[in-house]
Structures are given as structure tokens and as C-alpha cells.
């Protein structure tokens, strides 16, 4: 969870962490994101979910959700030892 939180904070989809928000600002995203990763969502489906969730929760999403979806899927596969 800490690694995924770090990835989400680095992505900083609503530019909150870079503006000084606490490190747990995106905590509402991390658990559901991990759940979707474990379900094996495709990069496209995960990107759509990310855009909808970030927009619904934070009001806007002007970042590349597709690129981040690929990044976290790759991360998840790596921590799972290549098995998803």
C-alpha cells in the first residue's frame, strides 16, 4: 500500500500534493485502485475508472490517466511476481 500511495502521490492527479497537501490526500484512491488492479482491469478500463474517480472526488482530472494506468499495472505485476 505504501508503494502504491507513493506512486499516486508522485502522479498527483489533482496537483494537491505538489501544492502542499498532506501525503494522505489521495488515500481515497489507493484502496479502490489496488482492488481494481487485483481484478485485472485492462489499462483502458483502469484509465477510465481513474479519470471518473479523480474527477468525481477532486473536481477535475487534467492528467494522463492512460499512462498512469499502464505504470501501476506494471508495478502491480512486478510486486506480484509477474502473476496477475
Protein backbone atom coordinates (compact mmCIF):
# COMPACT_ATOMS: atom_id res chain seq x y z
CA UNK A 1 0.00 0.00 0.00
CA UNK A 2 2.84 2.39 0.78
CA UNK A 3 4.40 1.89 -2.63
CA UNK A 4 1.08 2.45 -4.37
CA UNK A 5 0.45 5.54 -2.24
CA UNK A 6 3.87 6.85 -3.30
CA UNK A 7 3.07 6.23 -6.96
CA UNK A 8 -0.27 8.02 -6.68
CA UNK A 9 1.30 10.93 -4.81
CA UNK A 10 4.01 11.20 -7.46
CA UNK A 11 1.32 11.19 -10.16
CA UNK A 12 -0.57 13.83 -8.14
CA UNK A 13 -3.64 13.90 -10.42
CA UNK A 14 -5.24 17.00 -8.89
CA UNK A 15 -1.90 18.76 -8.18
CA UNK A 16 -2.65 18.75 -4.46
CA UNK A 17 0.48 17.15 -3.04
CA UNK A 18 2.69 19.49 -5.05
CA UNK A 19 0.67 22.38 -3.59
CA UNK A 20 1.42 21.26 -0.04
CA UNK A 21 -1.46 18.89 0.75
CA UNK A 22 -0.74 16.07 3.23
CA UNK A 23 0.70 12.80 1.92
CA UNK A 24 -2.60 11.02 2.61
CA UNK A 25 -4.61 13.32 0.33
CA UNK A 26 -5.22 10.55 -2.22
CA UNK A 27 -5.84 7.79 0.32
CA UNK A 28 -9.41 7.53 -1.00
CA UNK A 29 -7.93 6.44 -4.33
CA UNK A 30 -5.35 3.90 -3.17
CA UNK A 31 -7.58 1.13 -1.77
CA UNK A 32 -10.06 1.12 -4.66
CA UNK A 33 -7.17 1.30 -7.13
CA UNK A 34 -5.49 -1.72 -5.56
CA UNK A 35 -8.80 -3.57 -5.70
CA UNK A 36 -9.14 -2.86 -9.42
CA UNK A 37 -5.56 -3.89 -10.05
CA UNK A 38 -6.26 -7.22 -8.33
CA UNK A 39 -9.32 -7.64 -10.57
CA UNK A 40 -7.07 -7.40 -13.63
CA UNK A 41 -8.71 -4.41 -15.30
CA UNK A 42 -7.30 -3.55 -18.70
CA UNK A 43 -5.25 -0.35 -18.97
CA UNK A 44 -8.11 1.34 -20.82
CA UNK A 45 -10.72 0.36 -18.25
CA UNK A 46 -8.43 1.36 -15.40
CA UNK A 47 -7.71 4.71 -17.06
CA UNK A 48 -11.44 5.38 -17.43
CA UNK A 49 -12.04 4.49 -13.79
CA UNK A 50 -9.17 6.74 -12.68
CA UNK A 51 -10.49 9.69 -14.70
CA UNK A 52 -14.03 9.24 -13.34
CA UNK A 53 -12.88 8.78 -9.74
CA UNK A 54 -10.48 11.71 -9.73
CA UNK A 55 -12.98 13.98 -11.46
CA UNK A 56 -15.80 12.92 -9.15
CA UNK A 57 -13.78 13.29 -5.99
CA UNK A 58 -11.49 16.22 -6.75
CA UNK A 59 -13.43 18.08 -9.43
CA UNK A 60 -11.06 17.75 -12.36
CA UNK A 61 -8.58 15.44 -14.00
CA UNK A 62 -6.23 17.08 -16.45
CA UNK A 63 -3.57 14.38 -16.32
CA UNK A 64 -2.83 11.34 -18.46
CA UNK A 65 -4.76 8.52 -16.82
CA UNK A 66 -3.82 6.06 -19.58
CA UNK A 67 -0.10 6.43 -18.93
CA UNK A 68 -0.58 6.12 -15.18
CA UNK A 69 -2.81 3.06 -15.64
CA UNK A 70 0.00 1.34 -17.54
CA UNK A 71 2.51 2.36 -14.88
CA UNK A 72 0.53 0.98 -11.95
CA UNK A 73 -0.37 -2.21 -13.82
CA UNK A 74 3.34 -2.77 -14.50
CA UNK A 75 4.09 -2.05 -10.83
CA UNK A 76 1.38 -4.45 -9.68
CA UNK A 77 2.65 -7.23 -11.94
CA UNK A 78 6.16 -6.70 -10.63
CA UNK A 79 5.15 -6.90 -6.96
CA UNK A 80 3.00 -9.93 -7.70
CA UNK A 81 5.97 -11.68 -9.32
CA UNK A 82 4.54 -11.39 -12.81
CA UNK A 83 1.26 -13.09 -11.88
CA UNK A 84 -1.91 -11.04 -12.14
